[in-house]
């Protein structure tokens, strides 16, 4: 087996585990499909990386930041809507 094939399989396996961890972490805040799509978008950003040793860790960290930001925006929007209703 070529080293690049092994790396690719190891990397894919690590990314799959990251998706599972993030799906559990964001259950109730984000749909599993949203988590998966976010991770896939971040993976695409690292597609041209010359060194892939830390790509799964970086992908999970970046996806977590994006998902946290989206959850915060949703919370802010919901609070603003509640405040607007209360003001009426």
PDB file of N, CA and C in Angstrom:
ATOM      1  N   UNK A   1       0.854  -1.177   0.000  1.00  0.00           N
ATOM      2  CA  UNK A   1       0.000   0.000   0.000  1.00  0.00           C
ATOM      3  C   UNK A   1       0.900   1.239   0.000  1.00  0.00           C
ATOM      4  N   UNK A   2       0.538   2.199  -0.791  1.00  0.00           N
ATOM      5  CA  UNK A   2       1.300   3.431  -0.853  1.00  0.00           C
ATOM      6  C   UNK A   2       1.068   4.269   0.396  1.00  0.00           C
ATOM      7  N   UNK A   3       2.082   5.020   0.780  1.00  0.00           N
ATOM      8  CA  UNK A   3       1.971   5.857   1.976  1.00  0.00           C
ATOM      9  C   UNK A   3       0.860   6.882   1.829  1.00  0.00           C
ATOM     10  N   UNK A   4       0.691   7.423   0.620  1.00  0.00           N
ATOM     11  CA  UNK A   4      -0.353   8.439   0.433  1.00  0.00           C
ATOM     12  C   UNK A   4      -1.738   7.830   0.570  1.00  0.00           C
ATOM     13  N   UNK A   5      -1.915   6.585   0.143  1.00  0.00           N
ATOM     14  CA  UNK A   5      -3.212   5.927   0.297  1.00  0.00           C
ATOM     15  C   UNK A   5      -3.506   5.682   1.773  1.00  0.00           C
ATOM     16  N   UNK A   6      -2.495   5.262   2.527  1.00  0.00           N
ATOM     17  CA  UNK A   6      -2.678   5.024   3.956  1.00  0.00           C
ATOM     18  C   UNK A   6      -3.006   6.336   4.654  1.00  0.00           C
ATOM     19  N   UNK A   7      -2.277   7.394   4.295  1.00  0.00           N
ATOM     20  CA  UNK A   7      -2.525   8.693   4.906  1.00  0.00           C
ATOM     21  C   UNK A   7      -3.939   9.153   4.609  1.00  0.00           C
ATOM     22  N   UNK A   8      -4.351   8.973   3.390  1.00  0.00           N
ATOM     23  CA  UNK A   8      -5.680   9.400   2.995  1.00  0.00           C
ATOM     24  C   UNK A   8      -6.742   8.643   3.782  1.00  0.00           C
ATOM     25  N   UNK A   9      -6.557   7.347   3.960  1.00  0.00           N
ATOM     26  CA  UNK A   9      -7.525   6.565   4.723  1.00  0.00           C
ATOM     27  C   UNK A   9      -7.516   6.956   6.192  1.00  0.00           C
ATOM     28  N   UNK A  10      -6.342   7.177   6.741  1.00  0.00           N
ATOM     29  CA  UNK A  10      -6.229   7.592   8.148  1.00  0.00           C
ATOM     30  C   UNK A  10      -6.870   8.965   8.322  1.00  0.00           C
ATOM     31  N   UNK A  11      -6.581   9.859   7.400  1.00  0.00           N
ATOM     32  CA  UNK A  11      -7.153  11.205   7.452  1.00  0.00           C
ATOM     33  C   UNK A  11      -8.675  11.154   7.342  1.00  0.00           C
ATOM     34  N   UNK A  12      -9.186  10.370   6.412  1.00  0.00           N
ATOM     35  CA  UNK A  12     -10.637  10.240   6.236  1.00  0.00           C
ATOM     36  C   UNK A  12     -11.278   9.656   7.497  1.00  0.00           C
ATOM     37  N   UNK A  13     -10.626   8.682   8.092  1.00  0.00           N
ATOM     38  CA  UNK A  13     -11.136   8.069   9.320  1.00  0.00           C
ATOM     39  C   UNK A  13     -11.186   9.112  10.442  1.00  0.00           C
ATOM     40  N   UNK A  14     -10.148   9.902  10.564  1.00  0.00           N
ATOM     41  CA  UNK A  14     -10.106  10.942  11.603  1.00  0.00           C
ATOM     42  C   UNK A  14     -11.175  12.002  11.359  1.00  0.00           C
ATOM     43  N   UNK A  15     -11.397  12.356  10.108  1.00  0.00           N
ATOM     44  CA  UNK A  15     -12.435  13.340   9.761  1.00  0.00           C
ATOM     45  C   UNK A  15     -13.816  12.769  10.115  1.00  0.00           C
ATOM     46  N   UNK A  16     -14.036  11.504   9.815  1.00  0.00           N
ATOM     47  CA  UNK A  16     -15.314  10.862  10.162  1.00  0.00           C
ATOM     48  C   UNK A  16     -15.558  10.913  11.677  1.00  0.00           C
ATOM     49  N   UNK A  17     -14.514  10.661  12.449  1.00  0.00           N
ATOM     50  CA  UNK A  17     -14.655  10.733  13.908  1.00  0.00           C
ATOM     51  C   UNK A  17     -14.914  12.166  14.367  1.00  0.00           C
ATOM     52  N   UNK A  18     -14.305  13.121  13.702  1.00  0.00           N
ATOM     53  CA  UNK A  18     -14.556  14.528  14.036  1.00  0.00           C
ATOM     54  C   UNK A  18     -16.017  14.873  13.785  1.00  0.00           C
ATOM     55  N   UNK A  19     -16.559  14.391  12.678  1.00  0.00           N
ATOM     56  CA  UNK A  19     -17.974  14.634  12.375  1.00  0.00           C
ATOM     57  C   UNK A  19     -18.851  14.039  13.468  1.00  0.00           C
ATOM     58  N   UNK A  20     -18.528  12.822  13.905  1.00  0.00           N
ATOM     59  CA  UNK A  20     -19.306  12.182  14.973  1.00  0.00           C
ATOM     60  C   UNK A  20     -19.236  12.990  16.264  1.00  0.00           C
ATOM     61  N   UNK A  21     -18.030  13.430  16.638  1.00  0.00           N
ATOM     62  CA  UNK A  21     -17.879  14.212  17.872  1.00  0.00           C
ATOM     63  C   UNK A  21     -18.643  15.531  17.789  1.00  0.00           C
ATOM     64  N   UNK A  22     -18.516  16.213  16.648  1.00  0.00           N
ATOM     65  CA  UNK A  22     -19.187  17.505  16.491  1.00  0.00           C
ATOM     66  C   UNK A  22     -20.705  17.339  16.438  1.00  0.00           C
ATOM     67  N   UNK A  23     -21.166  16.265  15.825  1.00  0.00           N
ATOM     68  CA  UNK A  23     -22.610  16.004  15.770  1.00  0.00           C
ATOM     69  C   UNK A  23     -23.162  15.824  17.179  1.00  0.00           C
ATOM     70  N   UNK A  24     -22.434  15.080  18.013  1.00  0.00           N
ATOM     71  CA  UNK A  24     -22.864  14.914  19.411  1.00  0.00           C
ATOM     72  C   UNK A  24     -22.802  16.239  20.163  1.00  0.00           C
ATOM     73  N   UNK A  25     -21.735  16.982  19.953  1.00  0.00           N
ATOM     74  CA  UNK A  25     -21.554  18.252  20.665  1.00  0.00           C
ATOM     75  C   UNK A  25     -22.652  19.260  20.318  1.00  0.00           C
ATOM     76  N   UNK A  26     -23.062  19.295  19.063  1.00  0.00           N
ATOM     77  CA  UNK A  26     -24.016  20.304  18.617  1.00  0.00           C
ATOM     78  C   UNK A  26     -25.438  19.771  18.461  1.00  0.00           C
ATOM     79  N   UNK A  27     -25.708  18.589  18.988  1.00  0.00           N
ATOM     80  CA  UNK A  27     -27.069  18.049  18.945  1.00  0.00           C
ATOM     81  C   UNK A  27     -27.996  19.043  19.635  1.00  0.00           C
ATOM     82  N   UNK A  28     -29.092  19.359  18.994  1.00  0.00           N
ATOM     83  CA  UNK A  28     -30.030  20.329  19.547  1.00  0.00           C
ATOM     84  C   UNK A  28     -29.778  21.742  19.070  1.00  0.00           C
ATOM     85  N   UNK A  29     -28.573  22.010  18.585  1.00  0.00           N
ATOM     86  CA  UNK A  29     -28.266  23.339  18.060  1.00  0.00           C
ATOM     87  C   UNK A  29     -28.095  23.333  16.548  1.00  0.00           C
ATOM     88  N   UNK A  30     -27.561  22.223  16.032  1.00  0.00           N
ATOM     89  CA  UNK A  30     -27.362  22.079  14.593  1.00  0.00           C
ATOM     90  C   UNK A  30     -27.769  20.672  14.166  1.00  0.00           C
ATOM     91  N   UNK A  31     -28.373  20.581  13.004  1.00  0.00           N
ATOM     92  CA  UNK A  31     -28.703  19.265  12.450  1.00  0.00           C
ATOM     93  C   UNK A  31     -27.408  18.543  12.080  1.00  0.00           C
ATOM     94  N   UNK A  32     -27.446  17.228  12.121  1.00  0.00           N
ATOM     95  CA  UNK A  32     -26.270  16.423  11.769  1.00  0.00           C
ATOM     96  C   UNK A  32     -25.789  16.749  10.355  1.00  0.00           C
ATOM     97  N   UNK A  33     -26.712  16.990   9.456  1.00  0.00           N
ATOM     98  CA  UNK A  33     -26.346  17.320   8.075  1.00  0.00           C
ATOM     99  C   UNK A  33     -25.605  18.653   8.003  1.00  0.00           C
ATOM    100  N   UNK A  34     -26.001  19.615   8.813  1.00  0.00           N
ATOM    101  CA  UNK A  34     -25.308  20.909   8.855  1.00  0.00           C
ATOM    102  C   UNK A  34     -23.885  20.728   9.341  1.00  0.00           C
ATOM    103  N   UNK A  35     -23.701  19.910  10.362  1.00  0.00           N
ATOM    104  CA  UNK A  35     -22.361  19.635  10.878  1.00  0.00           C
ATOM    105  C   UNK A  35     -21.514  18.982   9.793  1.00  0.00           C
ATOM    106  N   UNK A  36     -22.070  17.970   9.135  1.00  0.00           N
ATOM    107  CA  UNK A  36     -21.321  17.264   8.094  1.00  0.00           C
ATOM    108  C   UNK A  36     -20.928  18.211   6.965  1.00  0.00           C
ATOM    109  N   UNK A  37     -21.861  19.041   6.523  1.00  0.00           N
ATOM    110  CA  UNK A  37     -21.573  19.978   5.437  1.00  0.00           C
ATOM    111  C   UNK A  37     -20.509  20.989   5.839  1.00  0.00           C
ATOM    112  N   UNK A  38     -20.581  21.457   7.064  1.00  0.00           N
ATOM    113  CA  UNK A  38     -19.583  22.413   7.544  1.00  0.00           C
ATOM    114  C   UNK A  38     -18.201  21.782   7.546  1.00  0.00           C
ATOM    115  N   UNK A  39     -18.106  20.563   8.055  1.00  0.00           N
ATOM    116  CA  UNK A  39     -16.820  19.865   8.080  1.00  0.00           C
ATOM    117  C   UNK A  39     -16.310  19.655   6.652  1.00  0.00           C
ATOM    118  N   UNK A  40     -17.167  19.247   5.748  1.00  0.00           N
ATOM    119  CA  UNK A  40     -16.740  19.028   4.362  1.00  0.00           C
ATOM    120  C   UNK A  40     -16.247  20.318   3.716  1.00  0.00           C
ATOM    121  N   UNK A  41     -16.891  21.436   4.017  1.00  0.00           N
ATOM    122  CA  UNK A  41     -16.441  22.718   3.478  1.00  0.00           C
ATOM    123  C   UNK A  41     -15.056  23.071   4.011  1.00  0.00           C
ATOM    124  N   UNK A  42     -14.835  22.812   5.291  1.00  0.00           N
ATOM    125  CA  UNK A  42     -13.535  23.108   5.876  1.00  0.00           C
ATOM    126  C   UNK A  42     -12.475  22.163   5.312  1.00  0.00           C
ATOM    127  N   UNK A  43     -12.819  20.892   5.127  1.00  0.00           N
ATOM    128  CA  UNK A  43     -11.876  19.938   4.535  1.00  0.00           C
ATOM    129  C   UNK A  43     -11.417  20.445   3.171  1.00  0.00           C
ATOM    130  N   UNK A  44     -12.342  20.984   2.395  1.00  0.00           N
ATOM    131  CA  UNK A  44     -11.993  21.507   1.070  1.00  0.00           C
ATOM    132  C   UNK A  44     -10.958  22.623   1.156  1.00  0.00           C
ATOM    133  N   UNK A  45     -10.998  23.406   2.230  1.00  0.00           N
ATOM    134  CA  UNK A  45     -10.030  24.490   2.398  1.00  0.00           C
ATOM    135  C   UNK A  45      -8.611  23.966   2.579  1.00  0.00           C
ATOM    136  N   UNK A  46      -8.488  22.772   3.136  1.00  0.00           N
ATOM    137  CA  UNK A  46      -7.178  22.174   3.382  1.00  0.00           C
ATOM    138  C   UNK A  46      -6.753  21.191   2.286  1.00  0.00           C
ATOM    139  N   UNK A  47      -7.501  21.116   1.210  1.00  0.00           N
ATOM    140  CA  UNK A  47      -7.227  20.141   0.151  1.00  0.00           C
ATOM    141  C   UNK A  47      -5.840  20.310  -0.459  1.00  0.00           C
ATOM    142  N   UNK A  48      -5.359  21.522  -0.508  1.00  0.00           N
ATOM    143  CA  UNK A  48      -4.057  21.757  -1.144  1.00  0.00           C
ATOM    144  C   UNK A  48      -2.917  21.856  -0.133  1.00  0.00           C
ATOM    145  N   UNK A  49      -3.181  21.524   1.115  1.00  0.00           N
ATOM    146  CA  UNK A  49      -2.132  21.577   2.138  1.00  0.00           C
ATOM    147  C   UNK A  49      -1.010  20.608   1.775  1.00  0.00           C
ATOM    148  N   UNK A  50       0.209  21.054   1.954  1.00  0.00           N
ATOM    149  CA  UNK A  50       1.349  20.195   1.630  1.00  0.00           C
ATOM    150  C   UNK A  50       1.593  19.166   2.725  1.00  0.00           C
ATOM    151  N   UNK A  51       1.297  19.521   3.951  1.00  0.00           N
ATOM    152  CA  UNK A  51       1.469  18.612   5.082  1.00  0.00           C
ATOM    153  C   UNK A  51       0.087  18.322   5.659  1.00  0.00           C
ATOM    154  N   UNK A  52      -0.267  17.058   5.681  1.00  0.00           N
ATOM    155  CA  UNK A  52      -1.616  16.668   6.100  1.00  0.00           C
ATOM    156  C   UNK A  52      -1.676  16.073   7.501  1.00  0.00           C
ATOM    157  N   UNK A  53      -0.572  16.051   8.199  1.00  0.00           N
ATOM    158  CA  UNK A  53      -0.539  15.395   9.508  1.00  0.00           C
ATOM    159  C   UNK A  53      -1.561  15.960  10.477  1.00  0.00           C
ATOM    160  N   UNK A  54      -1.768  17.274  10.440  1.00  0.00           N
ATOM    161  CA  UNK A  54      -2.665  17.902  11.403  1.00  0.00           C
ATOM    162  C   UNK A  54      -3.983  18.369  10.794  1.00  0.00           C
ATOM    163  N   UNK A  55      -4.232  18.006   9.556  1.00  0.00           N
ATOM    164  CA  UNK A  55      -5.455  18.462   8.887  1.00  0.00           C
ATOM    165  C   UNK A  55      -6.715  18.073   9.659  1.00  0.00           C
ATOM    166  N   UNK A  56      -6.872  16.839  10.127  1.00  0.00           N
ATOM    167  CA  UNK A  56      -8.106  16.514  10.861  1.00  0.00           C
ATOM    168  C   UNK A  56      -8.307  17.372  12.107  1.00  0.00           C
ATOM    169  N   UNK A  57      -7.239  17.655  12.834  1.00  0.00           N
ATOM    170  CA  UNK A  57      -7.340  18.488  14.033  1.00  0.00           C
ATOM    171  C   UNK A  57      -7.734  19.907  13.653  1.00  0.00           C
ATOM    172  N   UNK A  58      -7.110  20.432  12.606  1.00  0.00           N
ATOM    173  CA  UNK A  58      -7.407  21.786  12.153  1.00  0.00           C
ATOM    174  C   UNK A  58      -8.830  21.886  11.618  1.00  0.00           C
ATOM    175  N   UNK A  59      -9.259  20.869  10.906  1.00  0.00           N
ATOM    176  CA  UNK A  59     -10.623  20.851  10.363  1.00  0.00           C
ATOM    177  C   UNK A  59     -11.633  20.870  11.501  1.00  0.00           C
ATOM    178  N   UNK A  60     -11.429  20.028  12.497  1.00  0.00           N
ATOM    179  CA  UNK A  60     -12.376  19.984  13.617  1.00  0.00           C
ATOM    180  C   UNK A  60     -12.405  21.323  14.350  1.00  0.00           C
ATOM    181  N   UNK A  61     -11.240  21.911  14.580  1.00  0.00           N
ATOM    182  CA  UNK A  61     -11.182  23.211  15.268  1.00  0.00           C
ATOM    183  C   UNK A  61     -11.903  24.296  14.471  1.00  0.00           C
ATOM    184  N   UNK A  62     -11.630  24.367  13.174  1.00  0.00           N
ATOM    185  CA  UNK A  62     -12.262  25.392  12.332  1.00  0.00           C
ATOM    186  C   UNK A  62     -13.768  25.181  12.226  1.00  0.00           C
ATOM    187  N   UNK A  63     -14.189  23.930  12.078  1.00  0.00           N
ATOM    188  CA  UNK A  63     -15.627  23.633  11.996  1.00  0.00           C
ATOM    189  C   UNK A  63     -16.317  24.006  13.302  1.00  0.00           C
ATOM    190  N   UNK A  64     -15.665  23.736  14.426  1.00  0.00           N
ATOM    191  CA  UNK A  64     -16.230  24.086  15.730  1.00  0.00           C
ATOM    192  C   UNK A  64     -16.409  25.598  15.847  1.00  0.00           C
ATOM    193  N   UNK A  65     -15.440  26.350  15.384  1.00  0.00           N
ATOM    194  CA  UNK A  65     -15.540  27.815  15.416  1.00  0.00           C
ATOM    195  C   UNK A  65     -16.716  28.304  14.560  1.00  0.00           C
ATOM    196  N   UNK A  66     -16.856  27.738  13.389  1.00  0.00           N
ATOM    197  CA  UNK A  66     -17.960  28.132  12.493  1.00  0.00           C
ATOM    198  C   UNK A  66     -19.304  27.788  13.130  1.00  0.00           C
ATOM    199  N   UNK A  67     -19.419  26.573  13.652  1.00  0.00           N
ATOM    200  CA  UNK A  67     -20.675  26.131  14.253  1.00  0.00           C
ATOM    201  C   UNK A  67     -21.008  26.939  15.503  1.00  0.00           C
ATOM    202  N   UNK A  68     -20.002  27.278  16.292  1.00  0.00           N
ATOM    203  CA  UNK A  68     -20.233  28.129  17.468  1.00  0.00           C
ATOM    204  C   UNK A  68     -20.742  29.506  17.043  1.00  0.00           C
ATOM    205  N   UNK A  69     -20.138  30.058  16.008  1.00  0.00           N
ATOM    206  CA  UNK A  69     -20.555  31.381  15.518  1.00  0.00           C
ATOM    207  C   UNK A  69     -21.987  31.335  15.000  1.00  0.00           C
ATOM    208  N   UNK A  70     -22.327  30.279  14.274  1.00  0.00           N
ATOM    209  CA  UNK A  70     -23.689  30.149  13.758  1.00  0.00           C
ATOM    210  C   UNK A  70     -24.691  30.009  14.902  1.00  0.00           C
ATOM    211  N   UNK A  71     -24.331  29.248  15.923  1.00  0.00           N
ATOM    212  CA  UNK A  71     -25.227  29.070  17.073  1.00  0.00           C
ATOM    213  C   UNK A  71     -25.407  30.394  17.812  1.00  0.00           C
ATOM    214  N   UNK A  72     -24.331  31.158  17.941  1.00  0.00           N
ATOM    215  CA  UNK A  72     -24.421  32.455  18.613  1.00  0.00           C
ATOM    216  C   UNK A  72     -25.300  33.412  17.822  1.00  0.00           C
ATOM    217  N   UNK A  73     -25.158  33.404  16.498  1.00  0.00           N
ATOM    218  CA  UNK A  73     -26.000  34.258  15.657  1.00  0.00           C
ATOM    219  C   UNK A  73     -27.471  33.879  15.790  1.00  0.00           C
ATOM    220  N   UNK A  74     -27.751  32.599  15.820  1.00  0.00           N
ATOM    221  CA  UNK A  74     -29.134  32.135  15.950  1.00  0.00           C
ATOM    222  C   UNK A  74     -29.705  32.542  17.308  1.00  0.00           C
ATOM    223  N   UNK A  75     -28.900  32.439  18.350  1.00  0.00           N
ATOM    224  CA  UNK A  75     -29.339  32.835  19.684  1.00  0.00           C
ATOM    225  C   UNK A  75     -29.600  34.338  19.734  1.00  0.00           C
ATOM    226  N   UNK A  76     -28.684  35.123  19.163  1.00  0.00           N
ATOM    227  CA  UNK A  76     -28.861  36.579  19.131  1.00  0.00           C
ATOM    228  C   UNK A  76     -30.129  36.965  18.380  1.00  0.00           C
ATOM    229  N   UNK A  77     -30.378  36.299  17.248  1.00  0.00           N
ATOM    230  CA  UNK A  77     -31.572  36.595  16.452  1.00  0.00           C
ATOM    231  C   UNK A  77     -32.837  36.245  17.227  1.00  0.00           C
ATOM    232  N   UNK A  78     -32.821  35.113  17.921  1.00  0.00           N
ATOM    233  CA  UNK A  78     -33.992  34.697  18.701  1.00  0.00           C
ATOM    234  C   UNK A  78     -34.238  35.674  19.852  1.00  0.00           C
ATOM    235  N   UNK A  79     -33.176  36.100  20.504  1.00  0.00           N
ATOM    236  CA  UNK A  79     -33.327  37.064  21.604  1.00  0.00           C
ATOM    237  C   UNK A  79     -33.845  38.404  21.093  1.00  0.00           C
ATOM    238  N   UNK A  80     -33.370  38.829  19.929  1.00  0.00           N
ATOM    239  CA  UNK A  80     -33.837  40.087  19.346  1.00  0.00           C
ATOM    240  C   UNK A  80     -35.320  39.996  18.990  1.00  0.00           C
ATOM    241  N   UNK A  81     -35.736  38.844  18.457  1.00  0.00           N
ATOM    242  CA  UNK A  81     -37.148  38.664  18.118  1.00  0.00           C
ATOM    243  C   UNK A  81     -38.018  38.684  19.368  1.00  0.00           C
ATOM    244  N   UNK A  82     -37.552  38.043  20.432  1.00  0.00           N
ATOM    245  CA  UNK A  82     -38.296  38.046  21.700  1.00  0.00           C
ATOM    246  C   UNK A  82     -38.387  39.457  22.265  1.00  0.00           C
ATOM    247  N   UNK A  83     -37.305  40.207  22.177  1.00  0.00           N
ATOM    248  CA  UNK A  83     -37.302  41.575  22.686  1.00  0.00           C
ATOM    249  C   UNK A  83     -38.247  42.447  21.880  1.00  0.00           C
ATOM    250  N   UNK A  84     -38.299  42.240  20.579  1.00  0.00           N
ATOM    251  CA  UNK A  84     -39.195  43.010  19.721  1.00  0.00           C
ATOM    252  C   UNK A  84     -40.652  42.693  20.047  1.00  0.00           C
ATOM    253  N   UNK A  85     -40.952  41.418  20.285  1.00  0.00           N
ATOM    254  CA  UNK A  85     -42.310  41.021  20.652  1.00  0.00           C
ATOM    255  C   UNK A  85     -42.705  41.610  22.005  1.00  0.00           C
ATOM    256  N   UNK A  86     -41.789  41.629  22.932  1.00  0.00           N
ATOM    257  CA  UNK A  86     -42.060  42.152  24.268  1.00  0.00           C
ATOM    258  C   UNK A  86     -42.283  43.665  24.220  1.00  0.00           C
ATOM    259  N   UNK A  87     -41.643  44.336  23.286  1.00  0.00           N
ATOM    260  CA  UNK A  87     -41.759  45.787  23.173  1.00  0.00           C
ATOM    261  C   UNK A  87     -43.083  46.201  22.538  1.00  0.00           C
ATOM    262  N   UNK A  88     -43.715  45.288  21.846  1.00  0.00           N
ATOM    263  CA  UNK A  88     -44.974  45.610  21.148  1.00  0.00           C
ATOM    264  C   UNK A  88     -46.102  45.720  22.077  1.00  0.00           C
TER     265      UNK A  88
END
